[in-house]
C-alpha atoms as a PDB file:
ATOM      1  CA  UNK A   1      79.158  57.455  54.298  1.00  0.00           C
ATOM      2  CA  UNK A   2      82.290  58.628  52.528  1.00  0.00           C
ATOM      3  CA  UNK A   3      82.698  59.413  48.805  1.00  0.00           C
ATOM      4  CA  UNK A   4      85.339  60.990  46.773  1.00  0.00           C
ATOM      5  CA  UNK A   5      84.492  63.615  44.025  1.00  0.00           C
ATOM      6  CA  UNK A   6      87.106  65.195  41.794  1.00  0.00           C
ATOM      7  CA  UNK A   7      87.164  69.158  42.013  1.00  0.00           C
ATOM      8  CA  UNK A   8      89.849  71.206  40.533  1.00  0.00           C
ATOM      9  CA  UNK A   9      92.066  68.165  39.579  1.00  0.00           C
ATOM     10  CA  UNK A  10      91.928  67.136  43.288  1.00  0.00           C
ATOM     11  CA  UNK A  11      90.074  64.249  44.930  1.00  0.00           C
ATOM     12  CA  UNK A  12      88.197  65.689  47.710  1.00  0.00           C
ATOM     13  CA  UNK A  13      86.380  63.374  50.397  1.00  0.00           C
ATOM     14  CA  UNK A  14      82.599  64.036  50.793  1.00  0.00           C
ATOM     15  CA  UNK A  15      81.232  62.817  54.132  1.00  0.00           C
ATOM     16  CA  UNK A  16      77.473  62.402  53.837  1.00  0.00           C
ATOM     17  CA  UNK A  17      75.231  62.024  57.081  1.00  0.00           C
ATOM     18  CA  UNK A  18      72.914  59.199  57.249  1.00  0.00           C
ATOM     19  CA  UNK A  19      69.822  61.272  56.828  1.00  0.00           C
ATOM     20  CA  UNK A  20      70.966  62.677  53.405  1.00  0.00           C
ATOM     21  CA  UNK A  21      72.148  59.363  52.104  1.00  0.00           C
ATOM     22  CA  UNK A  22      68.754  58.384  50.929  1.00  0.00           C
ATOM     23  CA  UNK A  23      68.703  61.393  48.658  1.00  0.00           C
ATOM     24  CA  UNK A  24      70.854  60.223  45.731  1.00  0.00           C
ATOM     25  CA  UNK A  25      70.790  63.730  44.094  1.00  0.00           C
ATOM     26  CA  UNK A  26      72.923  65.353  46.838  1.00  0.00           C
ATOM     27  CA  UNK A  27      76.270  64.707  44.982  1.00  0.00           C
ATOM     28  CA  UNK A  28      75.293  66.058  41.567  1.00  0.00           C
ATOM     29  CA  UNK A  29      73.871  69.166  43.178  1.00  0.00           C
ATOM     30  CA  UNK A  30      77.006  69.692  45.235  1.00  0.00           C
ATOM     31  CA  UNK A  31      79.196  69.177  42.182  1.00  0.00           C
ATOM     32  CA  UNK A  32      77.039  71.731  40.064  1.00  0.00           C
ATOM     33  CA  UNK A  33      77.151  74.175  42.993  1.00  0.00           C
ATOM     34  CA  UNK A  34      80.892  73.947  43.460  1.00  0.00           C
ATOM     35  CA  UNK A  35      81.583  74.478  39.792  1.00  0.00           C
ATOM     36  CA  UNK A  36      79.184  77.517  39.719  1.00  0.00           C
ATOM     37  CA  UNK A  37      80.731  79.076  42.788  1.00  0.00           C
ATOM     38  CA  UNK A  38      84.293  78.807  41.820  1.00  0.00           C
ATOM     39  CA  UNK A  39      83.577  81.085  38.876  1.00  0.00           C
ATOM     40  CA  UNK A  40      80.825  83.434  40.232  1.00  0.00           C
ATOM     41  CA  UNK A  41      81.309  83.264  43.922  1.00  0.00           C
ATOM     42  CA  UNK A  42      82.423  85.935  46.274  1.00  0.00           C
ATOM     43  CA  UNK A  43      86.180  86.117  47.107  1.00  0.00           C
ATOM     44  CA  UNK A  44      85.775  84.438  50.370  1.00  0.00           C
ATOM     45  CA  UNK A  45      84.209  81.538  48.882  1.00  0.00           C
ATOM     46  CA  UNK A  46      86.548  81.343  46.073  1.00  0.00           C
ATOM     47  CA  UNK A  47      89.529  81.146  48.732  1.00  0.00           C
ATOM     48  CA  UNK A  48      87.637  78.610  50.537  1.00  0.00           C
ATOM     49  CA  UNK A  49      87.264  76.428  47.427  1.00  0.00           C
ATOM     50  CA  UNK A  50      90.964  76.808  46.414  1.00  0.00           C
ATOM     51  CA  UNK A  51      92.142  75.364  49.695  1.00  0.00           C
ATOM     52  CA  UNK A  52      89.400  72.761  50.079  1.00  0.00           C
ATOM     53  CA  UNK A  53      90.322  69.552  51.834  1.00  0.00           C
ATOM     54  CA  UNK A  54      86.971  67.942  52.615  1.00  0.00           C
ATOM     55  CA  UNK A  55      83.280  68.410  52.383  1.00  0.00           C
ATOM     56  CA  UNK A  56      80.517  67.223  54.858  1.00  0.00           C
ATOM     57  CA  UNK A  57      76.918  67.245  53.783  1.00  0.00           C
ATOM     58  CA  UNK A  58      74.523  67.702  56.780  1.00  0.00           C
ATOM     59  CA  UNK A  59      70.809  68.116  56.019  1.00  0.00           C
ATOM     60  CA  UNK A  60      70.574  70.642  53.069  1.00  0.00           C
ATOM     61  CA  UNK A  61      73.965  72.273  53.740  1.00  0.00           C
ATOM     62  CA  UNK A  62      77.586  71.452  52.685  1.00  0.00           C
ATOM     63  CA  UNK A  63      80.273  72.286  55.219  1.00  0.00           C
ATOM     64  CA  UNK A  64      83.463  73.105  53.187  1.00  0.00           C
ATOM     65  CA  UNK A  65      86.482  72.231  55.368  1.00  0.00           C
ATOM     66  CA  UNK A  66      89.674  73.958  54.296  1.00  0.00           C
ATOM     67  CA  UNK A  67      93.488  73.787  55.273  1.00  0.00           C
ATOM     68  CA  UNK A  68      93.047  77.034  57.371  1.00  0.00           C
ATOM     69  CA  UNK A  69      89.977  76.615  59.719  1.00  0.00           C
ATOM     70  CA  UNK A  70      89.154  80.265  59.506  1.00  0.00           C
ATOM     71  CA  UNK A  71      88.364  79.934  55.728  1.00  0.00           C
ATOM     72  CA  UNK A  72      85.884  77.202  56.148  1.00  0.00           C
ATOM     73  CA  UNK A  73      82.321  77.858  55.174  1.00  0.00           C
ATOM     74  CA  UNK A  74      78.831  76.407  54.864  1.00  0.00           C
ATOM     75  CA  UNK A  75      76.759  76.694  51.583  1.00  0.00           C
ATOM     76  CA  UNK A  76      73.173  75.680  51.098  1.00  0.00           C
ATOM     77  CA  UNK A  77      72.596  72.988  48.405  1.00  0.00           C
ATOM     78  CA  UNK A  78      68.788  73.511  48.102  1.00  0.00           C
END
């Protein structure tokens, strides 16, 4: 399933695996985590969030894809 969220004045596509689709609270948790990490996260995470192009939610993790593959990270949602 594909959904769009607004983050830092950009529309970011979020791809959710079929096993997570049943958990309707994944998107609000993701948005809250991203907003928290952009202000209080480490430099590597902030760099990742500034060049974010898409997010993939698999299980309890969000894989953050960036323009540069080397900056991509996975963060835990739960």
